[in-house]
PDB file of N, CA and C in Angstrom:
ATOM      1  N   MET A   1     -17.755 -13.867   0.750  1.00  0.00           N
ATOM      2  CA  MET A   1     -17.928 -12.195   0.562  1.00  0.00           C
ATOM      3  C   MET A   1     -15.754 -11.641   1.801  1.00  0.00           C
ATOM      4  N   VAL A   2     -15.341 -12.934   2.140  1.00  0.00           N
ATOM      5  CA  VAL A   2     -14.067 -11.797   2.280  1.00  0.00           C
ATOM      6  C   VAL A   2     -13.876 -11.083   0.797  1.00  0.00           C
ATOM      7  N   PHE A   3     -13.265 -12.033  -0.110  1.00  0.00           N
ATOM      8  CA  PHE A   3     -12.783 -11.985  -1.469  1.00  0.00           C
ATOM      9  C   PHE A   3     -13.218 -10.394  -1.860  1.00  0.00           C
ATOM     10  N   GLU A   4     -14.480 -10.508  -1.287  1.00  0.00           N
ATOM     11  CA  GLU A   4     -15.663  -8.780  -2.126  1.00  0.00           C
ATOM     12  C   GLU A   4     -15.094  -8.012  -1.053  1.00  0.00           C
ATOM     13  N   LYS A   5     -15.362  -7.633  -0.130  1.00  0.00           N
ATOM     14  CA  LYS A   5     -14.811  -6.748   1.045  1.00  0.00           C
ATOM     15  C   LYS A   5     -13.425  -6.775   0.325  1.00  0.00           C
ATOM     16  N   ILE A   6     -12.022  -7.245   0.556  1.00  0.00           N
ATOM     17  CA  ILE A   6     -10.709  -6.748   0.458  1.00  0.00           C
ATOM     18  C   ILE A   6     -10.910  -6.437  -0.861  1.00  0.00           C
ATOM     19  N   ARG A   7     -11.883  -6.597  -2.101  1.00  0.00           N
ATOM     20  CA  ARG A   7     -11.458  -6.119  -3.688  1.00  0.00           C
ATOM     21  C   ARG A   7     -12.014  -4.960  -3.665  1.00  0.00           C
ATOM     22  N   ASP A   8     -13.023  -4.756  -3.014  1.00  0.00           N
ATOM     23  CA  ASP A   8     -13.590  -3.515  -2.762  1.00  0.00           C
ATOM     24  C   ASP A   8     -12.621  -2.336  -2.207  1.00  0.00           C
ATOM     25  N   ILE A   9     -12.218  -3.059  -0.722  1.00  0.00           N
ATOM     26  CA  ILE A   9     -11.179  -1.939  -0.322  1.00  0.00           C
ATOM     27  C   ILE A   9      -9.971  -2.037  -1.054  1.00  0.00           C
ATOM     28  N   LEU A  10      -9.455  -2.662  -2.260  1.00  0.00           N
ATOM     29  CA  LEU A  10      -8.369  -2.444  -2.824  1.00  0.00           C
ATOM     30  C   LEU A  10      -9.190  -1.135  -4.178  1.00  0.00           C
ATOM     31  N   ALA A  11     -10.488  -1.334  -4.294  1.00  0.00           N
ATOM     32  CA  ALA A  11     -10.605  -1.052  -5.654  1.00  0.00           C
ATOM     33  C   ALA A  11     -11.114   0.511  -5.562  1.00  0.00           C
ATOM     34  N   GLN A  12     -11.270   0.664  -4.251  1.00  0.00           N
ATOM     35  CA  GLN A  12     -11.426   1.885  -3.527  1.00  0.00           C
ATOM     36  C   GLN A  12     -10.272   2.786  -3.298  1.00  0.00           C
ATOM     37  N   GLN A  13      -8.989   2.909  -2.570  1.00  0.00           N
ATOM     38  CA  GLN A  13      -7.810   2.527  -2.138  1.00  0.00           C
ATOM     39  C   GLN A  13      -6.736   3.219  -3.391  1.00  0.00           C
ATOM     40  N   LEU A  14      -7.065   2.583  -4.730  1.00  0.00           N
ATOM     41  CA  LEU A  14      -6.536   2.211  -5.776  1.00  0.00           C
ATOM     42  C   LEU A  14      -7.122   2.929  -6.351  1.00  0.00           C
ATOM     43  N   ASP A  15      -7.962   3.340  -6.459  1.00  0.00           N
ATOM     44  CA  ASP A  15      -8.996   3.768  -7.782  1.00  0.00           C
ATOM     45  C   ASP A  15      -8.485   2.982  -8.558  1.00  0.00           C
ATOM     46  N   LEU A  16      -9.518   1.734  -8.766  1.00  0.00           N
ATOM     47  CA  LEU A  16      -9.952   1.045  -9.596  1.00  0.00           C
ATOM     48  C   LEU A  16     -11.176  -0.093 -10.024  1.00  0.00           C
ATOM     49  N   ASP A  17     -11.358  -0.418 -11.146  1.00  0.00           N
ATOM     50  CA  ASP A  17     -12.663  -1.111 -11.606  1.00  0.00           C
ATOM     51  C   ASP A  17     -12.628  -2.118 -10.050  1.00  0.00           C
ATOM     52  N   PRO A  18     -13.482  -2.498  -9.254  1.00  0.00           N
ATOM     53  CA  PRO A  18     -13.915  -3.500  -8.576  1.00  0.00           C
ATOM     54  C   PRO A  18     -13.468  -4.917  -9.827  1.00  0.00           C
ATOM     55  N   GLU A  19     -13.743  -5.154 -10.524  1.00  0.00           N
ATOM     56  CA  GLU A  19     -14.084  -5.948 -11.633  1.00  0.00           C
ATOM     57  C   GLU A  19     -12.469  -6.448 -11.649  1.00  0.00           C
ATOM     58  N   THR A  20     -11.259  -5.818 -12.110  1.00  0.00           N
ATOM     59  CA  THR A  20     -10.351  -6.002 -12.492  1.00  0.00           C
ATOM     60  C   THR A  20      -9.507  -6.887 -11.543  1.00  0.00           C
ATOM     61  N   VAL A  21     -10.225  -6.645  -9.913  1.00  0.00           N
ATOM     62  CA  VAL A  21      -9.444  -7.603  -9.250  1.00  0.00           C
ATOM     63  C   VAL A  21      -9.861  -8.725  -8.814  1.00  0.00           C
ATOM     64  N   THR A  22      -8.956  -9.609  -8.940  1.00  0.00           N
ATOM     65  CA  THR A  22      -9.336 -10.850  -8.781  1.00  0.00           C
ATOM     66  C   THR A  22      -8.148 -11.824  -7.795  1.00  0.00           C
ATOM     67  N   MET A  23      -8.385 -12.943  -7.493  1.00  0.00           N
ATOM     68  CA  MET A  23      -8.096 -13.928  -6.272  1.00  0.00           C
ATOM     69  C   MET A  23      -6.614 -13.610  -6.897  1.00  0.00           C
ATOM     70  N   GLU A  24      -6.304 -14.179  -7.965  1.00  0.00           N
ATOM     71  CA  GLU A  24      -5.022 -14.276  -8.140  1.00  0.00           C
ATOM     72  C   GLU A  24      -4.549 -12.865  -8.388  1.00  0.00           C
ATOM     73  N   THR A  25      -4.883 -12.143  -8.392  1.00  0.00           N
ATOM     74  CA  THR A  25      -4.018 -10.593  -8.655  1.00  0.00           C
ATOM     75  C   THR A  25      -3.508 -10.397  -8.253  1.00  0.00           C
ATOM     76  N   ASP A  26      -1.995 -10.256  -8.178  1.00  0.00           N
ATOM     77  CA  ASP A  26      -0.675  -9.288  -6.981  1.00  0.00           C
ATOM     78  C   ASP A  26      -0.656  -8.257  -6.840  1.00  0.00           C
ATOM     79  N   ILE A  27      -0.899  -7.980  -5.651  1.00  0.00           N
ATOM     80  CA  ILE A  27      -1.100  -6.860  -5.342  1.00  0.00           C
ATOM     81  C   ILE A  27      -0.201  -5.347  -5.515  1.00  0.00           C
ATOM     82  N   ALA A  28       1.279  -6.081  -5.561  1.00  0.00           N
ATOM     83  CA  ALA A  28       2.208  -4.596  -5.716  1.00  0.00           C
ATOM     84  C   ALA A  28       2.337  -5.019  -7.615  1.00  0.00           C
ATOM     85  N   GLU A  29       2.865  -6.294  -7.963  1.00  0.00           N
ATOM     86  CA  GLU A  29       2.809  -5.977  -9.663  1.00  0.00           C
ATOM     87  C   GLU A  29       1.400  -5.966 -10.466  1.00  0.00           C
ATOM     88  N   ASP A  30       0.480  -6.543 -10.258  1.00  0.00           N
ATOM     89  CA  ASP A  30      -0.586  -6.405 -11.198  1.00  0.00           C
ATOM     90  C   ASP A  30      -1.280  -4.841 -10.944  1.00  0.00           C
ATOM     91  N   LEU A  31      -0.918  -4.842  -9.259  1.00  0.00           N
ATOM     92  CA  LEU A  31      -1.759  -3.217  -9.328  1.00  0.00           C
ATOM     93  C   LEU A  31      -0.920  -1.956  -9.018  1.00  0.00           C
ATOM     94  N   SER A  32       0.434  -2.434  -9.030  1.00  0.00           N
ATOM     95  CA  SER A  32       1.055  -0.693  -9.065  1.00  0.00           C
ATOM     96  C   SER A  32       1.452  -0.228  -7.648  1.00  0.00           C
ATOM     97  N   ALA A  33       0.267  -1.542  -6.715  1.00  0.00           N
ATOM     98  CA  ALA A  33       0.484  -0.218  -5.489  1.00  0.00           C
ATOM     99  C   ALA A  33       2.266  -0.258  -4.492  1.00  0.00           C
ATOM    100  N   ASP A  34       2.283   0.868  -4.288  1.00  0.00           N
ATOM    101  CA  ASP A  34       4.156   0.793  -3.696  1.00  0.00           C
ATOM    102  C   ASP A  34       3.416   0.656  -2.184  1.00  0.00           C
ATOM    103  N   SER A  35       4.890   0.561  -0.906  1.00  0.00           N
ATOM    104  CA  SER A  35       4.671   0.266   0.079  1.00  0.00           C
ATOM    105  C   SER A  35       3.301   1.017   0.915  1.00  0.00           C
ATOM    106  N   LEU A  36       2.839   2.550   0.507  1.00  0.00           N
ATOM    107  CA  LEU A  36       2.307   2.901   1.590  1.00  0.00           C
ATOM    108  C   LEU A  36       1.260   2.780   1.194  1.00  0.00           C
ATOM    109  N   ASP A  37       0.664   2.659   0.419  1.00  0.00           N
ATOM    110  CA  ASP A  37      -0.389   1.846  -0.271  1.00  0.00           C
ATOM    111  C   ASP A  37      -1.440   0.217   0.336  1.00  0.00           C
ATOM    112  N   VAL A  38      -0.202  -0.838   0.238  1.00  0.00           N
ATOM    113  CA  VAL A  38      -0.129  -1.741   0.814  1.00  0.00           C
ATOM    114  C   VAL A  38      -0.395  -1.635   3.045  1.00  0.00           C
ATOM    115  N   VAL A  39       0.209  -0.470   2.983  1.00  0.00           N
ATOM    116  CA  VAL A  39       0.143   0.053   4.817  1.00  0.00           C
ATOM    117  C   VAL A  39      -1.494   0.220   4.643  1.00  0.00           C
ATOM    118  N   GLU A  40      -1.701   1.305   3.846  1.00  0.00           N
ATOM    119  CA  GLU A  40      -3.487   1.791   3.823  1.00  0.00           C
ATOM    120  C   GLU A  40      -4.051   1.004   3.787  1.00  0.00           C
ATOM    121  N   MET A  41      -3.602  -0.268   2.869  1.00  0.00           N
ATOM    122  CA  MET A  41      -5.029  -0.860   2.654  1.00  0.00           C
ATOM    123  C   MET A  41      -5.164  -2.432   3.182  1.00  0.00           C
ATOM    124  N   LEU A  42      -3.711  -2.476   4.112  1.00  0.00           N
ATOM    125  CA  LEU A  42      -3.970  -3.594   5.385  1.00  0.00           C
ATOM    126  C   LEU A  42      -4.379  -2.576   6.573  1.00  0.00           C
ATOM    127  N   MET A  43      -4.401  -1.592   6.744  1.00  0.00           N
ATOM    128  CA  MET A  43      -5.302  -0.527   8.089  1.00  0.00           C
ATOM    129  C   MET A  43      -6.353  -1.007   7.565  1.00  0.00           C
ATOM    130  N   SER A  44      -6.816  -0.593   6.840  1.00  0.00           N
ATOM    131  CA  SER A  44      -8.130  -0.647   6.209  1.00  0.00           C
ATOM    132  C   SER A  44      -9.128  -1.588   6.371  1.00  0.00           C
ATOM    133  N   ILE A  45      -8.052  -3.350   5.581  1.00  0.00           N
ATOM    134  CA  ILE A  45      -8.555  -4.145   6.536  1.00  0.00           C
ATOM    135  C   ILE A  45      -8.940  -5.272   7.855  1.00  0.00           C
ATOM    136  N   GLU A  46      -7.807  -4.300   8.596  1.00  0.00           N
ATOM    137  CA  GLU A  46      -7.918  -4.678   9.865  1.00  0.00           C
ATOM    138  C   GLU A  46      -8.696  -4.249  10.597  1.00  0.00           C
ATOM    139  N   ASP A  47      -9.331  -2.790  10.351  1.00  0.00           N
ATOM    140  CA  ASP A  47     -10.493  -2.222  10.998  1.00  0.00           C
ATOM    141  C   ASP A  47     -12.014  -2.855  10.300  1.00  0.00           C
ATOM    142  N   GLU A  48     -11.676  -2.985   8.862  1.00  0.00           N
ATOM    143  CA  GLU A  48     -12.968  -3.897   8.760  1.00  0.00           C
ATOM    144  C   GLU A  48     -13.736  -5.282   8.800  1.00  0.00           C
ATOM    145  N   PHE A  49     -12.284  -5.870   9.469  1.00  0.00           N
ATOM    146  CA  PHE A  49     -12.368  -7.043   9.814  1.00  0.00           C
ATOM    147  C   PHE A  49     -12.416  -7.423  10.814  1.00  0.00           C
ATOM    148  N   ASP A  50     -11.601  -5.865  12.292  1.00  0.00           N
ATOM    149  CA  ASP A  50     -11.142  -6.554  13.609  1.00  0.00           C
ATOM    150  C   ASP A  50     -10.378  -7.526  13.495  1.00  0.00           C
ATOM    151  N   VAL A  51      -9.191  -7.610  13.020  1.00  0.00           N
ATOM    152  CA  VAL A  51      -8.164  -8.374  13.054  1.00  0.00           C
ATOM    153  C   VAL A  51      -6.908  -7.317  13.022  1.00  0.00           C
ATOM    154  N   GLU A  52      -5.768  -8.356  13.701  1.00  0.00           N
ATOM    155  CA  GLU A  52      -4.586  -7.610  13.102  1.00  0.00           C
ATOM    156  C   GLU A  52      -3.513  -8.237  12.770  1.00  0.00           C
ATOM    157  N   ILE A  53      -2.735  -7.233  11.620  1.00  0.00           N
ATOM    158  CA  ILE A  53      -1.632  -8.173  10.925  1.00  0.00           C
ATOM    159  C   ILE A  53      -0.328  -7.603  11.519  1.00  0.00           C
ATOM    160  N   PRO A  54       0.580  -8.200  11.935  1.00  0.00           N
ATOM    161  CA  PRO A  54       1.338  -7.871  12.068  1.00  0.00           C
ATOM    162  C   PRO A  54       2.546  -7.670  11.143  1.00  0.00           C
ATOM    163  N   ASP A  55       3.890  -6.767  11.425  1.00  0.00           N
ATOM    164  CA  ASP A  55       4.174  -6.569  10.369  1.00  0.00           C
ATOM    165  C   ASP A  55       5.386  -7.557   9.878  1.00  0.00           C
ATOM    166  N   ASP A  56       5.630  -8.526   9.990  1.00  0.00           N
ATOM    167  CA  ASP A  56       6.523  -9.736  10.290  1.00  0.00           C
ATOM    168  C   ASP A  56       5.298 -10.888   9.092  1.00  0.00           C
ATOM    169  N   ALA A  57       4.122 -10.664   9.150  1.00  0.00           N
ATOM    170  CA  ALA A  57       3.154 -11.316   8.123  1.00  0.00           C
ATOM    171  C   ALA A  57       2.993 -10.727   6.691  1.00  0.00           C
ATOM    172  N   ILE A  58       3.520  -9.459   6.506  1.00  0.00           N
ATOM    173  CA  ILE A  58       3.036  -8.255   5.550  1.00  0.00           C
ATOM    174  C   ILE A  58       4.003  -8.762   4.131  1.00  0.00           C
ATOM    175  N   ASP A  59       4.943  -9.492   4.348  1.00  0.00           N
ATOM    176  CA  ASP A  59       6.006  -9.862   3.105  1.00  0.00           C
ATOM    177  C   ASP A  59       5.717 -10.734   2.596  1.00  0.00           C
ATOM    178  N   GLN A  60       4.251 -11.606   3.726  1.00  0.00           N
ATOM    179  CA  GLN A  60       3.822 -12.795   2.748  1.00  0.00           C
ATOM    180  C   GLN A  60       2.497 -12.850   2.016  1.00  0.00           C
ATOM    181  N   LEU A  61       1.925 -11.503   2.420  1.00  0.00           N
ATOM    182  CA  LEU A  61       0.550 -11.269   1.431  1.00  0.00           C
ATOM    183  C   LEU A  61       0.596 -10.211   0.003  1.00  0.00           C
ATOM    184  N   LYS A  62       1.544 -11.896  -0.741  1.00  0.00           N
ATOM    185  CA  LYS A  62       1.681 -10.431  -2.109  1.00  0.00           C
ATOM    186  C   LYS A  62       0.220 -10.894  -2.792  1.00  0.00           C
ATOM    187  N   THR A  63      -0.402 -12.027  -2.999  1.00  0.00           N
ATOM    188  CA  THR A  63      -1.831 -11.655  -4.111  1.00  0.00           C
ATOM    189  C   THR A  63      -2.939 -11.290  -3.122  1.00  0.00           C
ATOM    190  N   VAL A  64      -4.125 -10.897  -3.497  1.00  0.00           N
ATOM    191  CA  VAL A  64      -5.314 -11.138  -3.369  1.00  0.00           C
ATOM    192  C   VAL A  64      -5.651 -12.165  -1.727  1.00  0.00           C
ATOM    193  N   SER A  65      -5.148 -13.604  -3.213  1.00  0.00           N
ATOM    194  CA  SER A  65      -5.462 -15.023  -2.426  1.00  0.00           C
ATOM    195  C   SER A  65      -5.380 -14.652  -0.786  1.00  0.00           C
ATOM    196  N   ASP A  66      -3.478 -14.204  -1.026  1.00  0.00           N
ATOM    197  CA  ASP A  66      -3.150 -14.764   0.318  1.00  0.00           C
ATOM    198  C   ASP A  66      -3.779 -13.753   1.380  1.00  0.00           C
ATOM    199  N   VAL A  67      -4.758 -12.587   1.220  1.00  0.00           N
ATOM    200  CA  VAL A  67      -5.148 -11.423   1.904  1.00  0.00           C
ATOM    201  C   VAL A  67      -5.933 -12.183   2.113  1.00  0.00           C
ATOM    202  N   VAL A  68      -7.018 -12.959   1.297  1.00  0.00           N
ATOM    203  CA  VAL A  68      -8.363 -13.300   1.752  1.00  0.00           C
ATOM    204  C   VAL A  68      -7.769 -14.714   3.059  1.00  0.00           C
ATOM    205  N   GLU A  69      -6.893 -15.616   2.623  1.00  0.00           N
ATOM    206  CA  GLU A  69      -6.723 -16.625   3.427  1.00  0.00           C
ATOM    207  C   GLU A  69      -6.224 -16.195   4.390  1.00  0.00           C
ATOM    208  N   TYR A  70      -5.441 -15.603   4.742  1.00  0.00           N
ATOM    209  CA  TYR A  70      -4.529 -14.363   6.225  1.00  0.00           C
ATOM    210  C   TYR A  70      -6.341 -14.476   6.777  1.00  0.00           C
ATOM    211  N   ILE A  71      -6.895 -13.670   6.795  1.00  0.00           N
ATOM    212  CA  ILE A  71      -8.270 -13.184   6.979  1.00  0.00           C
ATOM    213  C   ILE A  71      -8.808 -14.656   7.681  1.00  0.00           C
ATOM    214  N   GLN A  72      -9.515 -14.813   6.478  1.00  0.00           N
ATOM    215  CA  GLN A  72     -10.082 -15.994   6.825  1.00  0.00           C
ATOM    216  C   GLN A  72      -9.306 -17.369   7.976  1.00  0.00           C
ATOM    217  N   ASP A  73      -8.337 -17.414   7.908  1.00  0.00           N
ATOM    218  CA  ASP A  73      -6.885 -18.140   9.393  1.00  0.00           C
ATOM    219  C   ASP A  73      -7.153 -17.458  10.740  1.00  0.00           C
ATOM    220  N   HIS A  74      -7.685 -15.875  10.232  1.00  0.00           N
ATOM    221  CA  HIS A  74      -7.518 -14.884  12.040  1.00  0.00           C
ATOM    222  C   HIS A  74      -8.665 -14.516  12.226  1.00  0.00           C
ATOM    223  N   THR A  75      -9.913 -14.994  11.850  1.00  0.00           N
ATOM    224  CA  THR A  75     -10.784 -13.990  12.374  1.00  0.00           C
ATOM    225  C   THR A  75     -11.665 -15.139  12.655  1.00  0.00           C
ATOM    226  N   LYS A  76     -13.144 -14.268  13.691  1.00  0.00           N
ATOM    227  CA  LYS A  76     -13.484 -15.673  14.754  1.00  0.00           C
ATOM    228  C   LYS A  76     -14.458 -16.197  13.608  1.00  0.00           C
TER     229      LYS A  76
END
């Protein structure tokens, strides 16, 4: 369920087919997301999951899997 929500957020913000986003997708490399795209995506994810992602954690969130794991580890 976390993956599907993150996939949908990415697909909507980057105007992608959700089916092209997998757990292994590299957000910057595979989706051509720039730093502004990443910030907007993370803000949407923070709102969706009611979690705060500190700036120092952003650099570790390279793939969709990284984001899913972070959300699972930091939500109630």
